[in-house]
N, C-alpha and C. Protein backbone atom coordinates (compact mmCIF):
# COMPACT_ATOMS: atom_id res chain seq x y z
N UNK A 1 50.85 -85.20 92.15
CA UNK A 1 52.08 -85.02 92.89
C UNK A 1 52.34 -86.21 93.80
N UNK A 2 51.28 -86.86 94.25
CA UNK A 2 51.47 -87.96 95.19
C UNK A 2 52.16 -89.16 94.56
N UNK A 3 51.97 -89.36 93.24
CA UNK A 3 52.69 -90.44 92.58
C UNK A 3 54.19 -90.16 92.56
N UNK A 4 54.58 -88.93 92.25
CA UNK A 4 56.00 -88.56 92.24
C UNK A 4 56.58 -88.70 93.63
N UNK A 5 55.84 -88.28 94.64
CA UNK A 5 56.28 -88.40 96.03
C UNK A 5 56.46 -89.87 96.40
N UNK A 6 55.47 -90.68 96.06
CA UNK A 6 55.54 -92.10 96.39
C UNK A 6 56.71 -92.81 95.74
N UNK A 7 56.99 -92.49 94.48
CA UNK A 7 58.11 -93.12 93.80
C UNK A 7 59.44 -92.68 94.41
N UNK A 8 59.56 -91.40 94.75
CA UNK A 8 60.79 -90.90 95.39
C UNK A 8 60.98 -91.58 96.74
N UNK A 9 59.92 -91.70 97.52
CA UNK A 9 60.02 -92.37 98.82
C UNK A 9 60.36 -93.84 98.67
N UNK A 10 59.86 -94.48 97.62
CA UNK A 10 60.16 -95.88 97.38
C UNK A 10 61.65 -96.09 97.11
N UNK A 11 62.25 -95.21 96.34
CA UNK A 11 63.69 -95.30 96.07
C UNK A 11 64.48 -95.16 97.36
N UNK A 12 64.14 -94.18 98.17
CA UNK A 12 64.85 -93.95 99.43
C UNK A 12 64.63 -95.13 100.38
N UNK A 13 63.42 -95.67 100.42
CA UNK A 13 63.14 -96.82 101.26
C UNK A 13 63.98 -98.03 100.85
N UNK A 14 64.35 -98.09 99.57
CA UNK A 14 65.23 -99.17 99.10
C UNK A 14 66.59 -99.17 99.79
N UNK A 15 66.99 -98.02 100.31
CA UNK A 15 68.22 -97.92 101.09
C UNK A 15 67.96 -98.25 102.56
N UNK A 16 66.72 -98.55 102.90
CA UNK A 16 66.37 -98.85 104.29
C UNK A 16 66.26 -97.61 105.16
N UNK A 17 65.94 -96.48 104.55
CA UNK A 17 65.91 -95.23 105.30
C UNK A 17 64.52 -94.62 105.34
N UNK A 18 64.12 -94.11 106.50
CA UNK A 18 62.86 -93.38 106.57
C UNK A 18 63.05 -91.97 106.02
N UNK A 19 62.04 -91.44 105.36
CA UNK A 19 62.16 -90.10 104.80
C UNK A 19 61.02 -89.22 105.29
N UNK A 20 61.22 -87.93 105.19
CA UNK A 20 60.19 -86.95 105.49
C UNK A 20 60.14 -85.97 104.32
N UNK A 21 59.09 -85.16 104.29
CA UNK A 21 58.98 -84.16 103.23
C UNK A 21 58.66 -82.81 103.85
N UNK A 22 58.98 -81.78 103.10
CA UNK A 22 58.57 -80.42 103.46
C UNK A 22 58.18 -79.70 102.18
N UNK A 23 57.28 -78.77 102.30
CA UNK A 23 56.80 -78.03 101.13
C UNK A 23 57.89 -77.13 100.56
N UNK A 24 57.86 -76.97 99.24
CA UNK A 24 58.80 -76.10 98.56
C UNK A 24 60.14 -76.75 98.32
N UNK A 25 60.98 -76.04 97.61
CA UNK A 25 62.32 -76.53 97.30
C UNK A 25 63.10 -75.45 96.58
N UNK A 26 64.30 -75.80 96.15
CA UNK A 26 65.17 -74.82 95.49
C UNK A 26 65.38 -75.09 94.00
N UNK A 27 65.03 -76.27 93.53
CA UNK A 27 65.24 -76.58 92.12
C UNK A 27 64.25 -75.83 91.23
N UNK A 28 64.72 -75.28 90.12
CA UNK A 28 63.79 -74.65 89.19
C UNK A 28 63.05 -75.72 88.39
N UNK A 29 61.99 -75.30 87.72
CA UNK A 29 61.29 -76.22 86.82
C UNK A 29 60.07 -76.88 87.42
N UNK A 30 59.73 -76.56 88.67
CA UNK A 30 58.53 -77.09 89.31
C UNK A 30 57.55 -75.95 89.55
N UNK A 31 56.26 -76.28 89.55
CA UNK A 31 55.24 -75.30 89.92
C UNK A 31 55.40 -74.98 91.40
N UNK A 32 55.43 -73.71 91.79
CA UNK A 32 55.67 -73.36 93.20
C UNK A 32 54.63 -73.91 94.17
N UNK A 33 53.39 -74.06 93.73
CA UNK A 33 52.35 -74.56 94.63
C UNK A 33 52.22 -76.09 94.60
N UNK A 34 53.10 -76.76 93.88
CA UNK A 34 53.07 -78.22 93.77
C UNK A 34 54.50 -78.74 93.72
N UNK A 35 55.26 -78.43 94.79
CA UNK A 35 56.70 -78.71 94.83
C UNK A 35 57.08 -79.00 96.27
N UNK A 36 57.85 -80.05 96.48
CA UNK A 36 58.25 -80.41 97.84
C UNK A 36 59.66 -81.01 97.84
N UNK A 37 60.24 -81.08 99.02
CA UNK A 37 61.59 -81.58 99.23
C UNK A 37 61.53 -82.87 100.02
N UNK A 38 62.37 -83.84 99.66
CA UNK A 38 62.47 -85.12 100.36
C UNK A 38 63.75 -85.11 101.19
N UNK A 39 63.61 -85.47 102.46
CA UNK A 39 64.76 -85.44 103.37
C UNK A 39 64.95 -86.78 104.06
N UNK A 40 66.21 -87.09 104.37
CA UNK A 40 66.55 -88.18 105.26
C UNK A 40 67.22 -87.50 106.44
N UNK A 41 66.54 -87.48 107.57
CA UNK A 41 67.01 -86.67 108.68
C UNK A 41 67.02 -85.21 108.24
N UNK A 42 68.18 -84.56 108.35
CA UNK A 42 68.32 -83.17 107.90
C UNK A 42 68.93 -83.06 106.51
N UNK A 43 69.21 -84.21 105.88
CA UNK A 43 69.86 -84.22 104.57
C UNK A 43 68.84 -84.20 103.44
N UNK A 44 68.91 -83.19 102.59
CA UNK A 44 68.03 -83.12 101.42
C UNK A 44 68.54 -84.11 100.38
N UNK A 45 67.67 -85.03 99.97
CA UNK A 45 68.06 -86.02 98.97
C UNK A 45 67.25 -85.91 97.69
N UNK A 46 66.28 -85.01 97.65
CA UNK A 46 65.53 -84.86 96.41
C UNK A 46 64.41 -83.86 96.51
N UNK A 47 63.84 -83.60 95.35
CA UNK A 47 62.67 -82.73 95.24
C UNK A 47 61.72 -83.36 94.23
N UNK A 48 60.45 -83.07 94.38
CA UNK A 48 59.46 -83.64 93.48
C UNK A 48 58.29 -82.68 93.35
N UNK A 49 57.50 -82.88 92.31
CA UNK A 49 56.31 -82.06 92.12
C UNK A 49 55.88 -81.99 90.67
N UNK A 50 55.03 -81.01 90.40
CA UNK A 50 54.53 -80.81 89.05
C UNK A 50 55.53 -79.99 88.24
N UNK A 51 55.87 -80.48 87.06
CA UNK A 51 56.78 -79.77 86.17
C UNK A 51 56.08 -78.47 85.75
N UNK A 52 56.84 -77.37 85.76
CA UNK A 52 56.25 -76.05 85.47
C UNK A 52 55.67 -75.98 84.06
N UNK A 53 54.68 -75.11 83.92
CA UNK A 53 54.03 -74.91 82.62
C UNK A 53 55.03 -74.45 81.57
N UNK A 54 55.97 -73.59 81.95
CA UNK A 54 56.95 -73.10 80.98
C UNK A 54 57.88 -74.23 80.52
N UNK A 55 58.27 -75.11 81.42
CA UNK A 55 59.11 -76.25 81.03
C UNK A 55 58.34 -77.20 80.12
N UNK A 56 57.08 -77.45 80.44
CA UNK A 56 56.26 -78.32 79.58
C UNK A 56 56.09 -77.69 78.22
N UNK A 57 55.85 -76.38 78.16
CA UNK A 57 55.67 -75.68 76.88
C UNK A 57 56.93 -75.77 76.03
N UNK A 58 58.09 -75.67 76.66
CA UNK A 58 59.35 -75.76 75.92
C UNK A 58 59.51 -77.11 75.23
N UNK A 59 58.89 -78.13 75.78
CA UNK A 59 58.96 -79.47 75.21
C UNK A 59 57.69 -79.82 74.42
N UNK A 60 56.77 -78.88 74.33
CA UNK A 60 55.54 -79.14 73.59
C UNK A 60 54.59 -80.08 74.29
N UNK A 61 54.65 -80.12 75.60
CA UNK A 61 53.78 -81.01 76.38
C UNK A 61 52.62 -80.20 76.91
N UNK A 62 51.40 -80.64 76.63
CA UNK A 62 50.21 -79.87 77.01
C UNK A 62 49.48 -80.42 78.22
N UNK A 63 49.93 -81.52 78.77
CA UNK A 63 49.26 -82.13 79.92
C UNK A 63 50.15 -82.01 81.16
N UNK A 64 49.57 -82.06 82.35
CA UNK A 64 50.40 -82.01 83.57
C UNK A 64 51.38 -83.19 83.63
N UNK A 65 52.58 -82.89 84.08
CA UNK A 65 53.63 -83.90 84.24
C UNK A 65 54.21 -83.74 85.63
N UNK A 66 54.44 -84.85 86.29
CA UNK A 66 55.02 -84.85 87.63
C UNK A 66 56.36 -85.58 87.57
N UNK A 67 57.31 -85.09 88.35
CA UNK A 67 58.66 -85.66 88.30
C UNK A 67 59.32 -85.59 89.68
N UNK A 68 60.38 -86.35 89.82
CA UNK A 68 61.20 -86.31 91.02
C UNK A 68 62.66 -86.26 90.61
N UNK A 69 63.43 -85.48 91.32
CA UNK A 69 64.88 -85.39 91.11
C UNK A 69 65.53 -85.82 92.41
N UNK A 70 66.29 -86.92 92.37
CA UNK A 70 66.90 -87.47 93.58
C UNK A 70 68.42 -87.40 93.51
N UNK A 71 69.04 -87.08 94.63
CA UNK A 71 70.50 -87.09 94.75
C UNK A 71 70.89 -88.34 95.52
N UNK A 72 71.13 -89.41 94.80
CA UNK A 72 71.49 -90.65 95.48
C UNK A 72 72.85 -90.55 96.15
N UNK A 73 73.73 -89.69 95.65
CA UNK A 73 75.01 -89.51 96.32
C UNK A 73 74.83 -88.87 97.68
N UNK A 74 73.72 -88.18 97.91
CA UNK A 74 73.42 -87.63 99.22
C UNK A 74 72.84 -88.67 100.15
N UNK A 75 72.11 -89.64 99.61
CA UNK A 75 71.47 -90.66 100.42
C UNK A 75 72.44 -91.77 100.82
N UNK A 76 73.38 -92.10 99.97
CA UNK A 76 74.26 -93.24 100.25
C UNK A 76 75.08 -93.09 101.53
N UNK A 77 75.72 -91.94 101.78
CA UNK A 77 76.47 -91.84 103.04
C UNK A 77 75.59 -91.99 104.27
N UNK A 78 74.38 -91.46 104.22
CA UNK A 78 73.46 -91.60 105.34
C UNK A 78 73.07 -93.06 105.50
N UNK A 79 72.80 -93.74 104.40
CA UNK A 79 72.42 -95.15 104.44
C UNK A 79 73.54 -96.00 105.02
N UNK A 80 74.75 -95.75 104.58
CA UNK A 80 75.89 -96.53 105.09
C UNK A 80 76.08 -96.32 106.58
N UNK A 81 75.97 -95.08 107.04
CA UNK A 81 76.14 -94.78 108.46
C UNK A 81 75.06 -95.47 109.29
N UNK A 82 73.84 -95.45 108.82
CA UNK A 82 72.75 -96.08 109.57
C UNK A 82 72.87 -97.59 109.56
N UNK A 83 73.26 -98.17 108.45
CA UNK A 83 73.40 -99.63 108.39
C UNK A 83 74.49 -100.13 109.32
N UNK A 84 75.50 -99.29 109.55
CA UNK A 84 76.59 -99.71 110.43
C UNK A 84 76.14 -99.84 111.88
N UNK A 85 75.09 -99.11 112.26
CA UNK A 85 74.69 -99.11 113.66
C UNK A 85 73.27 -99.56 113.91
N UNK A 86 72.47 -99.77 112.88
CA UNK A 86 71.05 -100.03 113.08
C UNK A 86 70.63 -101.39 112.55
N UNK A 87 69.68 -101.97 113.24
CA UNK A 87 69.05 -103.22 112.79
C UNK A 87 67.55 -103.01 112.68
N UNK A 88 67.15 -101.94 112.04
CA UNK A 88 65.73 -101.58 111.96
C UNK A 88 65.01 -102.38 110.89
N UNK A 89 63.83 -102.81 111.21
CA UNK A 89 62.93 -103.45 110.27
C UNK A 89 61.56 -102.86 110.51
N UNK A 90 60.79 -102.68 109.48
CA UNK A 90 59.46 -102.10 109.63
C UNK A 90 58.53 -102.99 110.44
N UNK A 91 58.78 -104.31 110.42
CA UNK A 91 57.86 -105.23 111.07
C UNK A 91 58.21 -105.55 112.52
N UNK A 92 59.29 -104.97 113.04
CA UNK A 92 59.64 -105.23 114.44
C UNK A 92 60.33 -104.01 115.04
N UNK A 93 60.46 -103.97 116.36
CA UNK A 93 61.10 -102.81 116.99
C UNK A 93 62.53 -102.61 116.49
N UNK A 94 62.98 -101.40 116.59
CA UNK A 94 64.31 -101.03 116.12
C UNK A 94 65.32 -101.16 117.25
N UNK A 95 66.48 -101.70 116.94
CA UNK A 95 67.56 -101.74 117.94
C UNK A 95 68.80 -101.10 117.34
N UNK A 96 69.51 -100.37 118.16
CA UNK A 96 70.74 -99.71 117.73
C UNK A 96 71.88 -100.31 118.52
N UNK A 97 72.95 -100.66 117.82
CA UNK A 97 74.11 -101.25 118.50
C UNK A 97 75.29 -100.30 118.44
N UNK A 98 76.12 -100.40 119.40
CA UNK A 98 77.35 -99.60 119.45
C UNK A 98 78.52 -100.55 119.34
N UNK A 99 79.57 -100.14 118.63
CA UNK A 99 80.74 -101.02 118.53
C UNK A 99 81.29 -101.34 119.91
N UNK A 100 81.59 -102.60 120.15
CA UNK A 100 82.14 -102.98 121.45
C UNK A 100 83.66 -103.01 121.37
N UNK A 101 84.27 -102.82 122.50
CA UNK A 101 85.73 -102.88 122.56
C UNK A 101 86.17 -104.33 122.63
N UNK A 102 87.28 -104.57 122.02
CA UNK A 102 87.84 -105.92 122.08
C UNK A 102 88.43 -106.17 123.47
N UNK A 103 88.79 -107.40 123.75
CA UNK A 103 89.36 -107.75 125.05
C UNK A 103 90.64 -106.97 125.32
N UNK A 104 91.35 -106.57 124.26
CA UNK A 104 92.60 -105.84 124.45
C UNK A 104 92.36 -104.36 124.73
N UNK A 105 91.08 -103.91 124.66
CA UNK A 105 90.77 -102.51 124.94
C UNK A 105 90.84 -101.62 123.72
N UNK A 106 91.10 -102.18 122.56
CA UNK A 106 91.17 -101.39 121.32
C UNK A 106 89.86 -101.30 120.64
């Protein structure tokens, strides 16, 4: 399961976003005891885990398979919003900027 988790986190990190996980999820097709959700803030952007035995049997697969399902359309709005205000880099402190008003007050 950790490979599926790592690959899902790598994709999200490509948007420059930190992610968290929580156990369980809502998508069918995963083993209940090996299934987790990937979040950016409070936004669910994916789920990952071990593909269920019944799904593997339907495809004639006899070995464990791990997968991740990501909603990139859920991650993109969060990424755009953060990029507009953040200058975060993993190797240095994070700074957040606020839009300044022009000299005319607009």
